[in-house]
């Protein structure tokens, strides 16, 4: 009798958890999403919320232009369901990382559908054109291939370092960010149809915030007199901001931060800044401040606040989300030119 009772008890110890597991509702697995850098990661987080497990390859204050993937990155990509990248040849490391990982994830270029700007003319002195001629939401004329024509000043449009024909920094327009988010919603829905309603609801709420942000920035920039809308930043990352909001950026470095400008390029920029009475000069969070300090010294200008170009700040910084970044940059530009609370704010290390 005792032996039979022990057998029955053992049967339930072994089988009861299995039976309960079969009867209990299956737990939905989080969708595994990899974002190439921090700005796209924040957009994915706004859309996916708690329904995705998100990994970011290039984190806050990181420079995607020169990033070298790690073994952990390869593991994250290999295990991913969806990999979100900017596209427009921004992340030069992505093709070899995807190949090395052997991933079967869907690779999504979130810039798909934006109207691309041709890249600035030289790897050194680069001007993000559009400036005062650009209006809010303006669309430039297109060439016969459906690409923008005449958007950038300079020569040799293919000469910038390690990038394609087009400027990849499309997120610097809040209107383009809406295209990014639409692509992210679609990608997550295709990979996880069960939670598509959540992604659409989150995404639509976020799109409303981005539309309001676009209007807010446009209003701030319109308040700046047209003859004062010319500034200097570290590299040519603000062409889309220029086209959308009418601020012209000059930069000693081209589209990519890994292209060192020549002494002649820097001298030309200094001469141009003097002749055209550039209103403000900024560092960026991802670049070496040496060149900006040199230009500021030569022109007698004071370095203003740091702009966030290719990466968000850390969680405790002023640009921890995409919306925060765009609003912070716009406020910094307005304050540096017009005066205000942020006008005297020095960049770190300036």
C-alpha atoms as a PDB file:
ATOM      1  CA  UNK A   1       0.000   0.000   0.000  1.00  0.00           C
ATOM      2  CA  UNK A   2       2.728   2.410   0.958  1.00  0.00           C
ATOM      3  CA  UNK A   3       4.545   1.604  -2.291  1.00  0.00           C
ATOM      4  CA  UNK A   4       1.368   2.370  -4.300  1.00  0.00           C
ATOM      5  CA  UNK A   5       0.869   5.702  -2.531  1.00  0.00           C
ATOM      6  CA  UNK A   6       4.482   6.667  -3.251  1.00  0.00           C
ATOM      7  CA  UNK A   7       3.930   5.802  -6.932  1.00  0.00           C
ATOM      8  CA  UNK A   8       0.789   7.932  -7.146  1.00  0.00           C
ATOM      9  CA  UNK A   9       2.509  10.843  -5.434  1.00  0.00           C
ATOM     10  CA  UNK A  10       5.476  10.586  -7.786  1.00  0.00           C
ATOM     11  CA  UNK A  11       3.089  10.528 -10.766  1.00  0.00           C
ATOM     12  CA  UNK A  12       1.514  13.818  -9.712  1.00  0.00           C
ATOM     13  CA  UNK A  13       4.846  15.454  -8.876  1.00  0.00           C
ATOM     14  CA  UNK A  14       6.060  14.717 -12.401  1.00  0.00           C
ATOM     15  CA  UNK A  15       2.893  15.232 -14.456  1.00  0.00           C
ATOM     16  CA  UNK A  16       0.942  17.959 -12.644  1.00  0.00           C
ATOM     17  CA  UNK A  17       3.215  20.846 -13.745  1.00  0.00           C
ATOM     18  CA  UNK A  18       3.053  19.551 -17.320  1.00  0.00           C
ATOM     19  CA  UNK A  19      -0.757  19.395 -17.203  1.00  0.00           C
ATOM     20  CA  UNK A  20      -1.056  22.845 -15.670  1.00  0.00           C
ATOM     21  CA  UNK A  21       1.307  24.208 -18.326  1.00  0.00           C
ATOM     22  CA  UNK A  22      -0.820  22.720 -21.063  1.00  0.00           C
ATOM     23  CA  UNK A  23      -4.001  24.220 -19.620  1.00  0.00           C
ATOM     24  CA  UNK A  24      -2.574  27.631 -18.765  1.00  0.00           C
ATOM     25  CA  UNK A  25      -2.661  30.333 -21.477  1.00  0.00           C
ATOM     26  CA  UNK A  26       0.584  30.514 -23.402  1.00  0.00           C
ATOM     27  CA  UNK A  27       2.760  33.474 -22.527  1.00  0.00           C
ATOM     28  CA  UNK A  28       3.409  35.673 -25.575  1.00  0.00           C
ATOM     29  CA  UNK A  29       7.086  35.974 -26.384  1.00  0.00           C
ATOM     30  CA  UNK A  30       8.398  39.523 -26.618  1.00  0.00           C
ATOM     31  CA  UNK A  31       9.304  40.585 -30.131  1.00  0.00           C
ATOM     32  CA  UNK A  32      13.085  40.848 -30.316  1.00  0.00           C
ATOM     33  CA  UNK A  33      14.051  44.143 -31.973  1.00  0.00           C
ATOM     34  CA  UNK A  34      17.525  45.517 -32.646  1.00  0.00           C
ATOM     35  CA  UNK A  35      17.981  49.222 -33.452  1.00  0.00           C
ATOM     36  CA  UNK A  36      21.195  50.374 -35.052  1.00  0.00           C
ATOM     37  CA  UNK A  37      21.578  53.531 -32.935  1.00  0.00           C
ATOM     38  CA  UNK A  38      19.952  55.447 -30.110  1.00  0.00           C
ATOM     39  CA  UNK A  39      17.603  57.712 -32.086  1.00  0.00           C
ATOM     40  CA  UNK A  40      15.949  54.805 -33.895  1.00  0.00           C
ATOM     41  CA  UNK A  41      15.892  52.853 -30.632  1.00  0.00           C
ATOM     42  CA  UNK A  42      13.857  55.574 -28.947  1.00  0.00           C
ATOM     43  CA  UNK A  43      11.366  55.629 -31.821  1.00  0.00           C
ATOM     44  CA  UNK A  44      11.029  51.839 -31.609  1.00  0.00           C
ATOM     45  CA  UNK A  45      10.498  52.057 -27.853  1.00  0.00           C
ATOM     46  CA  UNK A  46       7.718  54.626 -28.300  1.00  0.00           C
ATOM     47  CA  UNK A  47       5.922  52.312 -30.736  1.00  0.00           C
ATOM     48  CA  UNK A  48       6.704  48.913 -29.198  1.00  0.00           C
ATOM     49  CA  UNK A  49       6.504  49.738 -25.521  1.00  0.00           C
ATOM     50  CA  UNK A  50       6.530  46.664 -23.271  1.00  0.00           C
ATOM     51  CA  UNK A  51       5.730  44.334 -26.151  1.00  0.00           C
ATOM     52  CA  UNK A  52       9.262  44.368 -27.561  1.00  0.00           C
ATOM     53  CA  UNK A  53      12.653  43.415 -26.186  1.00  0.00           C
ATOM     54  CA  UNK A  54      14.906  46.133 -27.548  1.00  0.00           C
ATOM     55  CA  UNK A  55      18.668  46.092 -28.067  1.00  0.00           C
ATOM     56  CA  UNK A  56      20.634  49.120 -29.288  1.00  0.00           C
ATOM     57  CA  UNK A  57      23.943  48.732 -31.096  1.00  0.00           C
ATOM     58  CA  UNK A  58      25.307  52.306 -30.913  1.00  0.00           C
ATOM     59  CA  UNK A  59      24.195  53.855 -27.652  1.00  0.00           C
ATOM     60  CA  UNK A  60      23.808  57.427 -26.377  1.00  0.00           C
ATOM     61  CA  UNK A  61      26.575  59.830 -27.427  1.00  0.00           C
ATOM     62  CA  UNK A  62      27.952  57.130 -29.754  1.00  0.00           C
ATOM     63  CA  UNK A  63      29.197  57.833 -33.279  1.00  0.00           C
ATOM     64  CA  UNK A  64      27.717  55.429 -35.831  1.00  0.00           C
ATOM     65  CA  UNK A  65      30.094  56.733 -38.516  1.00  0.00           C
ATOM     66  CA  UNK A  66      33.094  55.087 -36.871  1.00  0.00           C
ATOM     67  CA  UNK A  67      31.463  52.369 -34.774  1.00  0.00           C
ATOM     68  CA  UNK A  68      33.022  48.889 -34.732  1.00  0.00           C
ATOM     69  CA  UNK A  69      30.610  46.059 -33.848  1.00  0.00           C
ATOM     70  CA  UNK A  70      31.287  43.740 -30.916  1.00  0.00           C
ATOM     71  CA  UNK A  71      30.641  39.991 -30.559  1.00  0.00           C
ATOM     72  CA  UNK A  72      27.656  40.866 -28.369  1.00  0.00           C
ATOM     73  CA  UNK A  73      26.220  42.872 -31.257  1.00  0.00           C
ATOM     74  CA  UNK A  74      26.475  39.840 -33.524  1.00  0.00           C
ATOM     75  CA  UNK A  75      24.612  37.742 -30.957  1.00  0.00           C
ATOM     76  CA  UNK A  76      21.858  40.356 -30.610  1.00  0.00           C
ATOM     77  CA  UNK A  77      21.399  40.575 -34.384  1.00  0.00           C
ATOM     78  CA  UNK A  78      21.455  36.783 -34.732  1.00  0.00           C
ATOM     79  CA  UNK A  79      18.637  36.430 -32.192  1.00  0.00           C
ATOM     80  CA  UNK A  80      16.548  39.335 -33.498  1.00  0.00           C
ATOM     81  CA  UNK A  81      13.164  39.148 -35.196  1.00  0.00           C
ATOM     82  CA  UNK A  82      13.499  42.669 -36.632  1.00  0.00           C
ATOM     83  CA  UNK A  83      16.584  44.835 -37.216  1.00  0.00           C
ATOM     84  CA  UNK A  84      15.853  48.550 -37.672  1.00  0.00           C
ATOM     85  CA  UNK A  85      18.479  50.630 -39.477  1.00  0.00           C
ATOM     86  CA  UNK A  86      18.492  54.145 -40.856  1.00  0.00           C
ATOM     87  CA  UNK A  87      19.616  53.242 -44.354  1.00  0.00           C
ATOM     88  CA  UNK A  88      21.045  55.740 -46.869  1.00  0.00           C
ATOM     89  CA  UNK A  89      24.422  54.114 -46.123  1.00  0.00           C
ATOM     90  CA  UNK A  90      24.568  55.714 -42.667  1.00  0.00           C
ATOM     91  CA  UNK A  91      25.598  52.586 -40.765  1.00  0.00           C
ATOM     92  CA  UNK A  92      28.617  51.331 -42.692  1.00  0.00           C
ATOM     93  CA  UNK A  93      29.101  48.474 -40.243  1.00  0.00           C
ATOM     94  CA  UNK A  94      25.662  46.925 -40.742  1.00  0.00           C
ATOM     95  CA  UNK A  95      26.215  44.814 -43.890  1.00  0.00           C
ATOM     96  CA  UNK A  96      29.186  42.914 -42.482  1.00  0.00           C
ATOM     97  CA  UNK A  97      27.528  42.572 -39.067  1.00  0.00           C
ATOM     98  CA  UNK A  98      24.385  41.085 -40.599  1.00  0.00           C
ATOM     99  CA  UNK A  99      26.461  38.710 -42.701  1.00  0.00           C
ATOM    100  CA  UNK A 100      28.624  37.641 -39.766  1.00  0.00           C
ATOM    101  CA  UNK A 101      25.622  37.066 -37.507  1.00  0.00           C
ATOM    102  CA  UNK A 102      23.807  34.795 -39.932  1.00  0.00           C
ATOM    103  CA  UNK A 103      20.543  36.370 -38.794  1.00  0.00           C
ATOM    104  CA  UNK A 104      17.208  35.583 -40.372  1.00  0.00           C
ATOM    105  CA  UNK A 105      15.668  38.785 -39.021  1.00  0.00           C
ATOM    106  CA  UNK A 106      13.773  41.204 -41.208  1.00  0.00           C
ATOM    107  CA  UNK A 107      16.120  44.136 -41.991  1.00  0.00           C
ATOM    108  CA  UNK A 108      14.126  47.376 -42.219  1.00  0.00           C
ATOM    109  CA  UNK A 109      15.446  50.729 -43.466  1.00  0.00           C
ATOM    110  CA  UNK A 110      13.292  53.180 -41.551  1.00  0.00           C
ATOM    111  CA  UNK A 111      14.211  56.142 -43.789  1.00  0.00           C
ATOM    112  CA  UNK A 112      12.426  54.468 -46.709  1.00  0.00           C
ATOM    113  CA  UNK A 113      10.027  56.958 -48.273  1.00  0.00           C
ATOM    114  CA  UNK A 114      11.671  60.229 -47.264  1.00  0.00           C
ATOM    115  CA  UNK A 115      12.771  62.728 -49.905  1.00  0.00           C
ATOM    116  CA  UNK A 116      16.583  62.436 -49.697  1.00  0.00           C
ATOM    117  CA  UNK A 117      18.971  65.367 -49.858  1.00  0.00           C
ATOM    118  CA  UNK A 118      22.080  65.070 -51.943  1.00  0.00           C
ATOM    119  CA  UNK A 119      25.176  64.957 -49.771  1.00  0.00           C
ATOM    120  CA  UNK A 120      27.229  68.076 -49.140  1.00  0.00           C
ATOM    121  CA  UNK A 121      29.855  68.805 -51.729  1.00  0.00           C
ATOM    122  CA  UNK A 122      33.204  68.160 -50.069  1.00  0.00           C
ATOM    123  CA  UNK A 123      34.467  66.042 -47.206  1.00  0.00           C
ATOM    124  CA  UNK A 124      35.875  69.214 -45.649  1.00  0.00           C
ATOM    125  CA  UNK A 125      34.011  72.516 -45.953  1.00  0.00           C
ATOM    126  CA  UNK A 126      30.344  71.578 -46.158  1.00  0.00           C
ATOM    127  CA  UNK A 127      27.256  73.750 -46.232  1.00  0.00           C
ATOM    128  CA  UNK A 128      23.803  72.439 -45.502  1.00  0.00           C
ATOM    129  CA  UNK A 129      21.963  74.558 -48.000  1.00  0.00           C
ATOM    130  CA  UNK A 130      18.346  75.555 -48.035  1.00  0.00           C
ATOM    131  CA  UNK A 131      18.829  78.097 -45.300  1.00  0.00           C
ATOM    132  CA  UNK A 132      16.652  81.169 -45.501  1.00  0.00           C
ATOM    133  CA  UNK A 133      15.250  80.042 -48.830  1.00  0.00           C
ATOM    134  CA  UNK A 134      13.716  76.918 -47.294  1.00  0.00           C
ATOM    135  CA  UNK A 135      10.245  77.080 -45.839  1.00  0.00           C
ATOM    136  CA  UNK A 136       8.486  74.827 -43.354  1.00  0.00           C
ATOM    137  CA  UNK A 137       7.752  71.588 -45.149  1.00  0.00           C
ATOM    138  CA  UNK A 138       9.175  72.885 -48.442  1.00  0.00           C
ATOM    139  CA  UNK A 139       9.918  70.343 -51.118  1.00  0.00           C
ATOM    140  CA  UNK A 140      12.738  71.005 -53.539  1.00  0.00           C
ATOM    141  CA  UNK A 141      12.532  70.383 -57.238  1.00  0.00           C
ATOM    142  CA  UNK A 142      13.432  66.922 -58.360  1.00  0.00           C
ATOM    143  CA  UNK A 143      15.577  65.608 -61.123  1.00  0.00           C
ATOM    144  CA  UNK A 144      14.326  63.124 -63.672  1.00  0.00           C
ATOM    145  CA  UNK A 145      14.967  60.202 -61.318  1.00  0.00           C
ATOM    146  CA  UNK A 146      12.723  61.453 -58.542  1.00  0.00           C
ATOM    147  CA  UNK A 147      15.615  62.694 -56.394  1.00  0.00           C
ATOM    148  CA  UNK A 148      16.046  66.252 -55.118  1.00  0.00           C
ATOM    149  CA  UNK A 149      18.009  68.525 -57.396  1.00  0.00           C
ATOM    150  CA  UNK A 150      20.070  71.550 -56.396  1.00  0.00           C
ATOM    151  CA  UNK A 151      19.574  71.171 -52.653  1.00  0.00           C
ATOM    152  CA  UNK A 152      23.241  71.430 -51.629  1.00  0.00           C
ATOM    153  CA  UNK A 153      25.911  73.928 -52.430  1.00  0.00           C
ATOM    154  CA  UNK A 154      29.429  72.831 -53.272  1.00  0.00           C
ATOM    155  CA  UNK A 155      31.004  70.571 -55.839  1.00  0.00           C
ATOM    156  CA  UNK A 156      31.832  66.895 -56.285  1.00  0.00           C
ATOM    157  CA  UNK A 157      28.671  65.476 -54.681  1.00  0.00           C
ATOM    158  CA  UNK A 158      30.184  61.975 -54.456  1.00  0.00           C
ATOM    159  CA  UNK A 159      33.406  63.005 -52.725  1.00  0.00           C
ATOM    160  CA  UNK A 160      32.318  62.662 -49.084  1.00  0.00           C
ATOM    161  CA  UNK A 161      33.864  59.836 -47.125  1.00  0.00           C
ATOM    162  CA  UNK A 162      32.326  56.344 -47.025  1.00  0.00           C
ATOM    163  CA  UNK A 163      28.763  57.417 -47.771  1.00  0.00           C
ATOM    164  CA  UNK A 164      26.517  57.283 -50.792  1.00  0.00           C
ATOM    165  CA  UNK A 165      25.081  60.061 -52.872  1.00  0.00           C
ATOM    166  CA  UNK A 166      22.545  61.167 -50.265  1.00  0.00           C
ATOM    167  CA  UNK A 167      22.755  62.753 -46.829  1.00  0.00           C
ATOM    168  CA  UNK A 168      21.647  60.050 -44.365  1.00  0.00           C
ATOM    169  CA  UNK A 169      20.751  62.332 -41.432  1.00  0.00           C
ATOM    170  CA  UNK A 170      17.073  62.458 -42.372  1.00  0.00           C
ATOM    171  CA  UNK A 171      15.825  62.268 -38.767  1.00  0.00           C
ATOM    172  CA  UNK A 172      16.843  65.930 -38.312  1.00  0.00           C
ATOM    173  CA  UNK A 173      13.425  66.872 -39.666  1.00  0.00           C
ATOM    174  CA  UNK A 174      10.478  66.003 -37.426  1.00  0.00           C
ATOM    175  CA  UNK A 175       8.399  65.521 -40.566  1.00  0.00           C
ATOM    176  CA  UNK A 176      10.834  62.834 -41.743  1.00  0.00           C
ATOM    177  CA  UNK A 177      10.647  61.276 -38.288  1.00  0.00           C
ATOM    178  CA  UNK A 178       6.975  60.638 -38.969  1.00  0.00           C
ATOM    179  CA  UNK A 179       7.984  58.573 -42.000  1.00  0.00           C
ATOM    180  CA  UNK A 180      10.449  56.662 -39.812  1.00  0.00           C
ATOM    181  CA  UNK A 181       7.726  55.884 -37.288  1.00  0.00           C
ATOM    182  CA  UNK A 182       5.298  54.766 -39.979  1.00  0.00           C
ATOM    183  CA  UNK A 183       7.911  52.290 -41.206  1.00  0.00           C
ATOM    184  CA  UNK A 184       8.541  51.053 -37.659  1.00  0.00           C
ATOM    185  CA  UNK A 185       4.825  50.493 -37.056  1.00  0.00           C
ATOM    186  CA  UNK A 186       4.580  48.498 -40.274  1.00  0.00           C
ATOM    187  CA  UNK A 187       7.687  46.433 -39.467  1.00  0.00           C
ATOM    188  CA  UNK A 188       6.496  45.514 -35.972  1.00  0.00           C
ATOM    189  CA  UNK A 189       3.005  44.688 -37.194  1.00  0.00           C
ATOM    190  CA  UNK A 190       4.340  42.403 -39.913  1.00  0.00           C
ATOM    191  CA  UNK A 191       6.555  40.589 -37.405  1.00  0.00           C
ATOM    192  CA  UNK A 192       3.938  40.375 -34.643  1.00  0.00           C
ATOM    193  CA  UNK A 193       0.403  40.511 -35.984  1.00  0.00           C
ATOM    194  CA  UNK A 194      -1.108  39.599 -32.624  1.00  0.00           C
ATOM    195  CA  UNK A 195       0.070  42.878 -31.084  1.00  0.00           C
ATOM    196  CA  UNK A 196      -0.386  45.043 -34.177  1.00  0.00           C
ATOM    197  CA  UNK A 197      -3.221  46.974 -32.560  1.00  0.00           C
ATOM    198  CA  UNK A 198      -0.934  47.997 -29.714  1.00  0.00           C
ATOM    199  CA  UNK A 199       1.781  49.136 -32.108  1.00  0.00           C
ATOM    200  CA  UNK A 200      -0.702  51.140 -34.156  1.00  0.00           C
ATOM    201  CA  UNK A 201      -2.219  52.785 -31.081  1.00  0.00           C
ATOM    202  CA  UNK A 202       1.175  53.676 -29.608  1.00  0.00           C
ATOM    203  CA  UNK A 203       2.447  54.787 -32.995  1.00  0.00           C
ATOM    204  CA  UNK A 204      -0.513  57.034 -33.750  1.00  0.00           C
ATOM    205  CA  UNK A 205      -0.164  58.770 -30.389  1.00  0.00           C
ATOM    206  CA  UNK A 206       3.534  59.272 -31.048  1.00  0.00           C
ATOM    207  CA  UNK A 207       2.875  60.595 -34.569  1.00  0.00           C
ATOM    208  CA  UNK A 208       0.574  63.237 -33.086  1.00  0.00           C
ATOM    209  CA  UNK A 209       3.414  64.357 -30.814  1.00  0.00           C
ATOM    210  CA  UNK A 210       5.793  64.524 -33.772  1.00  0.00           C
ATOM    211  CA  UNK A 211       3.380  66.658 -35.793  1.00  0.00           C
ATOM    212  CA  UNK A 212       3.109  69.077 -32.875  1.00  0.00           C
ATOM    213  CA  UNK A 213       6.903  69.074 -32.500  1.00  0.00           C
ATOM    214  CA  UNK A 214       7.347  69.909 -36.191  1.00  0.00           C
ATOM    215  CA  UNK A 215       5.036  72.909 -35.864  1.00  0.00           C
ATOM    216  CA  UNK A 216       6.744  74.019 -32.635  1.00  0.00           C
ATOM    217  CA  UNK A 217      10.235  74.000 -34.145  1.00  0.00           C
ATOM    218  CA  UNK A 218       9.063  75.760 -37.309  1.00  0.00           C
ATOM    219  CA  UNK A 219       7.519  78.549 -35.223  1.00  0.00           C
ATOM    220  CA  UNK A 220      10.730  78.959 -33.192  1.00  0.00           C
ATOM    221  CA  UNK A 221      12.890  79.218 -36.305  1.00  0.00           C
ATOM    222  CA  UNK A 222      10.515  81.651 -38.048  1.00  0.00           C
ATOM    223  CA  UNK A 223      11.009  84.022 -35.115  1.00  0.00           C
ATOM    224  CA  UNK A 224      14.701  84.366 -36.062  1.00  0.00           C
ATOM    225  CA  UNK A 225      15.356  87.157 -38.600  1.00  0.00           C
ATOM    226  CA  UNK A 226      16.283  85.647 -41.991  1.00  0.00           C
ATOM    227  CA  UNK A 227      19.645  87.425 -42.091  1.00  0.00           C
ATOM    228  CA  UNK A 228      20.600  85.798 -38.771  1.00  0.00           C
ATOM    229  CA  UNK A 229      19.854  82.198 -39.741  1.00  0.00           C
ATOM    230  CA  UNK A 230      23.421  81.031 -40.386  1.00  0.00           C
ATOM    231  CA  UNK A 231      25.384  78.962 -37.850  1.00  0.00           C
ATOM    232  CA  UNK A 232      28.383  76.625 -37.629  1.00  0.00           C
ATOM    233  CA  UNK A 233      28.287  73.032 -36.355  1.00  0.00           C
ATOM    234  CA  UNK A 234      30.931  70.311 -36.248  1.00  0.00           C
ATOM    235  CA  UNK A 235      29.883  68.147 -39.196  1.00  0.00           C
ATOM    236  CA  UNK A 236      27.290  68.311 -41.959  1.00  0.00           C
ATOM    237  CA  UNK A 237      24.507  66.572 -40.060  1.00  0.00           C
ATOM    238  CA  UNK A 238      21.792  69.229 -40.208  1.00  0.00           C
ATOM    239  CA  UNK A 239      20.894  69.457 -43.885  1.00  0.00           C
ATOM    240  CA  UNK A 240      17.360  68.178 -43.279  1.00  0.00           C
ATOM    241  CA  UNK A 241      16.886  70.587 -40.376  1.00  0.00           C
ATOM    242  CA  UNK A 242      18.017  73.319 -42.748  1.00  0.00           C
ATOM    243  CA  UNK A 243      15.556  72.365 -45.462  1.00  0.00           C
ATOM    244  CA  UNK A 244      12.651  71.965 -43.043  1.00  0.00           C
ATOM    245  CA  UNK A 245      13.178  74.995 -40.820  1.00  0.00           C
ATOM    246  CA  UNK A 246      15.241  77.517 -42.788  1.00  0.00           C
ATOM    247  CA  UNK A 247      18.514  77.563 -40.819  1.00  0.00           C
ATOM    248  CA  UNK A 248      21.765  77.298 -42.797  1.00  0.00           C
ATOM    249  CA  UNK A 249      24.583  75.257 -41.238  1.00  0.00           C
ATOM    250  CA  UNK A 250      28.265  75.506 -42.119  1.00  0.00           C
ATOM    251  CA  UNK A 251      30.556  72.683 -41.007  1.00  0.00           C
ATOM    252  CA  UNK A 252      34.303  71.945 -41.159  1.00  0.00           C
ATOM    253  CA  UNK A 253      33.600  68.220 -41.485  1.00  0.00           C
ATOM    254  CA  UNK A 254      31.454  66.610 -44.145  1.00  0.00           C
ATOM    255  CA  UNK A 255      28.638  64.086 -43.907  1.00  0.00           C
ATOM    256  CA  UNK A 256      30.832  61.598 -42.029  1.00  0.00           C
ATOM    257  CA  UNK A 257      32.858  62.376 -38.914  1.00  0.00           C
ATOM    258  CA  UNK A 258      35.699  60.110 -40.089  1.00  0.00           C
ATOM    259  CA  UNK A 259      36.742  62.506 -42.866  1.00  0.00           C
ATOM    260  CA  UNK A 260      39.309  65.036 -41.631  1.00  0.00           C
ATOM    261  CA  UNK A 261      39.035  68.475 -43.268  1.00  0.00           C
ATOM    262  CA  UNK A 262      42.122  70.025 -44.795  1.00  0.00           C
ATOM    263  CA  UNK A 263      43.725  73.210 -43.494  1.00  0.00           C
ATOM    264  CA  UNK A 264      42.468  74.970 -46.625  1.00  0.00           C
ATOM    265  CA  UNK A 265      38.906  73.844 -45.898  1.00  0.00           C
ATOM    266  CA  UNK A 266      39.061  75.186 -42.344  1.00  0.00           C
ATOM    267  CA  UNK A 267      40.585  78.464 -43.517  1.00  0.00           C
ATOM    268  CA  UNK A 268      37.828  78.840 -46.100  1.00  0.00           C
ATOM    269  CA  UNK A 269      35.164  78.250 -43.462  1.00  0.00           C
ATOM    270  CA  UNK A 270      36.732  80.844 -41.151  1.00  0.00           C
ATOM    271  CA  UNK A 271      36.791  83.374 -44.003  1.00  0.00           C
ATOM    272  CA  UNK A 272      33.174  82.571 -44.870  1.00  0.00           C
ATOM    273  CA  UNK A 273      32.079  82.902 -41.238  1.00  0.00           C
ATOM    274  CA  UNK A 274      33.661  86.352 -41.049  1.00  0.00           C
ATOM    275  CA  UNK A 275      32.284  87.542 -44.379  1.00  0.00           C
ATOM    276  CA  UNK A 276      28.744  86.279 -43.825  1.00  0.00           C
ATOM    277  CA  UNK A 277      28.517  87.206 -40.142  1.00  0.00           C
ATOM    278  CA  UNK A 278      27.644  83.743 -38.862  1.00  0.00           C
ATOM    279  CA  UNK A 279      25.377  84.123 -35.852  1.00  0.00           C
ATOM    280  CA  UNK A 280      26.464  81.205 -33.641  1.00  0.00           C
ATOM    281  CA  UNK A 281      28.856  78.275 -33.410  1.00  0.00           C
ATOM    282  CA  UNK A 282      28.118  74.891 -31.815  1.00  0.00           C
ATOM    283  CA  UNK A 283      29.884  71.709 -30.859  1.00  0.00           C
ATOM    284  CA  UNK A 284      28.182  68.329 -31.261  1.00  0.00           C
ATOM    285  CA  UNK A 285      27.937  65.542 -28.749  1.00  0.00           C
ATOM    286  CA  UNK A 286      29.692  62.988 -30.992  1.00  0.00           C
ATOM    287  CA  UNK A 287      32.608  65.001 -32.397  1.00  0.00           C
ATOM    288  CA  UNK A 288      36.030  66.167 -31.283  1.00  0.00           C
ATOM    289  CA  UNK A 289      35.748  69.808 -30.139  1.00  0.00           C
ATOM    290  CA  UNK A 290      39.228  70.798 -31.365  1.00  0.00           C
ATOM    291  CA  UNK A 291      38.175  72.184 -34.748  1.00  0.00           C
ATOM    292  CA  UNK A 292      35.228  74.112 -33.378  1.00  0.00           C
ATOM    293  CA  UNK A 293      37.433  75.699 -30.714  1.00  0.00           C
ATOM    294  CA  UNK A 294      39.941  76.666 -33.415  1.00  0.00           C
ATOM    295  CA  UNK A 295      37.257  78.264 -35.574  1.00  0.00           C
ATOM    296  CA  UNK A 296      35.770  80.065 -32.571  1.00  0.00           C
ATOM    297  CA  UNK A 297      39.194  81.452 -31.620  1.00  0.00           C
ATOM    298  CA  UNK A 298      39.911  82.605 -35.177  1.00  0.00           C
ATOM    299  CA  UNK A 299      36.541  84.310 -35.600  1.00  0.00           C
ATOM    300  CA  UNK A 300      36.289  85.719 -32.085  1.00  0.00           C
ATOM    301  CA  UNK A 301      33.058  83.829 -31.500  1.00  0.00           C
ATOM    302  CA  UNK A 302      31.966  82.102 -28.314  1.00  0.00           C
ATOM    303  CA  UNK A 303      31.103  78.411 -28.495  1.00  0.00           C
ATOM    304  CA  UNK A 304      27.461  77.909 -27.650  1.00  0.00           C
ATOM    305  CA  UNK A 305      25.585  74.880 -26.380  1.00  0.00           C
ATOM    306  CA  UNK A 306      26.289  71.380 -27.643  1.00  0.00           C
ATOM    307  CA  UNK A 307      23.920  70.173 -30.366  1.00  0.00           C
ATOM    308  CA  UNK A 308      22.830  66.541 -30.549  1.00  0.00           C
ATOM    309  CA  UNK A 309      23.225  65.324 -34.098  1.00  0.00           C
ATOM    310  CA  UNK A 310      23.692  61.562 -34.578  1.00  0.00           C
ATOM    311  CA  UNK A 311      22.924  60.280 -31.087  1.00  0.00           C
ATOM    312  CA  UNK A 312      20.798  61.008 -28.052  1.00  0.00           C
ATOM    313  CA  UNK A 313      22.213  61.999 -24.697  1.00  0.00           C
ATOM    314  CA  UNK A 314      22.243  59.669 -21.737  1.00  0.00           C
ATOM    315  CA  UNK A 315      19.085  59.312 -19.662  1.00  0.00           C
ATOM    316  CA  UNK A 316      20.052  62.200 -17.378  1.00  0.00           C
ATOM    317  CA  UNK A 317      20.960  64.521 -20.263  1.00  0.00           C
ATOM    318  CA  UNK A 318      18.835  67.089 -22.108  1.00  0.00           C
ATOM    319  CA  UNK A 319      18.268  64.906 -25.182  1.00  0.00           C
ATOM    320  CA  UNK A 320      17.313  61.510 -23.780  1.00  0.00           C
ATOM    321  CA  UNK A 321      14.522  61.020 -26.325  1.00  0.00           C
ATOM    322  CA  UNK A 322      14.103  62.045 -29.953  1.00  0.00           C
ATOM    323  CA  UNK A 323      11.470  64.656 -29.074  1.00  0.00           C
ATOM    324  CA  UNK A 324      13.696  66.053 -26.315  1.00  0.00           C
ATOM    325  CA  UNK A 325      16.663  66.166 -28.716  1.00  0.00           C
ATOM    326  CA  UNK A 326      14.865  68.087 -31.438  1.00  0.00           C
ATOM    327  CA  UNK A 327      13.295  70.539 -28.999  1.00  0.00           C
ATOM    328  CA  UNK A 328      16.612  71.044 -27.187  1.00  0.00           C
ATOM    329  CA  UNK A 329      18.512  71.705 -30.433  1.00  0.00           C
ATOM    330  CA  UNK A 330      15.902  74.191 -31.653  1.00  0.00           C
ATOM    331  CA  UNK A 331      15.899  76.020 -28.315  1.00  0.00           C
ATOM    332  CA  UNK A 332      19.697  76.117 -28.292  1.00  0.00           C
ATOM    333  CA  UNK A 333      19.832  77.609 -31.797  1.00  0.00           C
ATOM    334  CA  UNK A 334      17.146  80.184 -31.046  1.00  0.00           C
ATOM    335  CA  UNK A 335      18.717  81.171 -27.738  1.00  0.00           C
ATOM    336  CA  UNK A 336      22.252  81.465 -29.167  1.00  0.00           C
ATOM    337  CA  UNK A 337      21.068  83.779 -31.931  1.00  0.00           C
ATOM    338  CA  UNK A 338      18.294  85.727 -30.214  1.00  0.00           C
ATOM    339  CA  UNK A 339      19.346  85.562 -26.579  1.00  0.00           C
ATOM    340  CA  UNK A 340      17.518  83.803 -23.793  1.00  0.00           C
ATOM    341  CA  UNK A 341      18.028  81.276 -21.000  1.00  0.00           C
ATOM    342  CA  UNK A 342      20.275  78.946 -23.008  1.00  0.00           C
ATOM    343  CA  UNK A 343      22.272  81.623 -24.855  1.00  0.00           C
ATOM    344  CA  UNK A 344      25.194  81.706 -22.438  1.00  0.00           C
ATOM    345  CA  UNK A 345      25.325  77.971 -21.892  1.00  0.00           C
ATOM    346  CA  UNK A 346      28.780  76.661 -22.661  1.00  0.00           C
ATOM    347  CA  UNK A 347      29.310  73.345 -24.320  1.00  0.00           C
ATOM    348  CA  UNK A 348      31.015  70.753 -22.107  1.00  0.00           C
ATOM    349  CA  UNK A 349      34.751  71.293 -22.232  1.00  0.00           C
ATOM    350  CA  UNK A 350      34.442  74.559 -24.177  1.00  0.00           C
END
